[in-house]
Amino acid sequence: MTRDKTGGALMPTLAAPARRALEHAQYTRLSQFCDVTEAELLTLHGMGPQAVAAIRAALEENGLSFAG
């Protein structure tokens, strides 16, 4: 599901709990993570360091980064 270089759909490599946490928080595009810090993302139930690292890698691949 990783798509474009400007904030396409989220990547499928996340574990189910992390995907559910993001869906529940209504994160549907990679570009939305530019408005949130890694620490804020880790407060979501189901998100862990491995999921955050995968999102960070996808952001970097698309020339984006977390806030702060």
Protein backbone atom coordinates (compact mmCIF):
# COMPACT_ATOMS: atom_id res chain seq x y z
CA MET A 1 0.00 0.00 0.00
CA THR A 2 2.95 2.42 0.05
CA ARG A 3 2.27 4.73 -2.85
CA ASP A 4 3.45 8.14 -3.84
CA LYS A 5 6.22 10.50 -2.81
CA THR A 6 3.82 13.12 -1.43
CA GLY A 7 1.81 11.35 1.24
CA GLY A 8 -0.03 8.45 -0.32
CA ALA A 9 -1.62 5.59 1.56
CA LEU A 10 0.02 3.96 4.56
CA MET A 11 2.37 1.02 4.23
CA PRO A 12 1.22 -2.59 4.75
CA THR A 13 4.30 -3.65 6.70
CA LEU A 14 2.86 -2.67 10.07
CA ALA A 15 1.52 -5.28 12.46
CA ALA A 16 -2.26 -5.48 12.82
CA PRO A 17 -2.40 -3.69 16.22
CA ALA A 18 -0.46 -0.73 14.82
CA ARG A 19 -2.62 -0.58 11.69
CA ARG A 20 -5.77 -0.64 13.83
CA ALA A 21 -4.39 2.11 16.09
CA LEU A 22 -3.70 4.31 13.07
CA GLU A 23 -7.09 3.60 11.52
CA HIS A 24 -8.80 4.42 14.82
CA ALA A 25 -6.86 7.71 15.03
CA GLN A 26 -7.79 8.38 11.38
CA TYR A 27 -4.26 8.39 10.00
CA THR A 28 -4.81 7.45 6.39
CA ARG A 29 -1.96 9.20 4.58
CA LEU A 30 1.76 9.24 5.11
CA SER A 31 1.84 13.04 4.94
CA GLN A 32 -0.29 13.23 8.12
CA PHE A 33 2.69 12.08 10.17
CA CYS A 34 4.46 15.36 9.37
CA ASP A 35 2.10 16.99 11.90
CA VAL A 36 2.82 14.57 14.76
CA THR A 37 5.92 13.67 16.77
CA GLU A 38 7.16 10.14 17.28
CA ALA A 39 6.38 10.49 21.00
CA GLU A 40 2.76 11.44 20.25
CA LEU A 41 2.40 8.47 17.93
CA LEU A 42 3.73 6.12 20.60
CA THR A 43 0.87 7.13 22.91
CA LEU A 44 -1.59 5.30 20.64
CA HIS A 45 -2.57 1.89 21.96
CA GLY A 46 -1.01 -0.68 19.64
CA MET A 47 1.85 1.49 18.41
CA GLY A 48 5.36 0.46 19.32
CA PRO A 49 8.93 1.35 18.42
CA GLN A 50 9.01 -1.07 15.50
CA ALA A 51 5.91 0.48 13.89
CA VAL A 52 7.25 4.00 14.43
CA ALA A 53 10.57 2.98 12.85
CA ALA A 54 8.72 1.61 9.80
CA ILE A 55 6.77 4.84 9.46
CA ARG A 56 9.96 6.89 9.89
CA ALA A 57 11.61 4.88 7.10
CA ALA A 58 8.62 5.42 4.81
CA LEU A 59 8.63 9.13 5.57
CA GLU A 60 12.35 9.40 4.80
CA GLU A 61 11.87 7.43 1.58
CA ASN A 62 9.34 10.05 0.52
CA GLY A 63 11.39 13.06 1.63
CA LEU A 64 9.20 13.68 4.70
CA SER A 65 9.74 13.58 8.46
CA PHE A 66 7.86 13.60 11.75
CA ALA A 67 7.10 16.96 13.36
CA GLY A 68 9.65 18.31 15.79
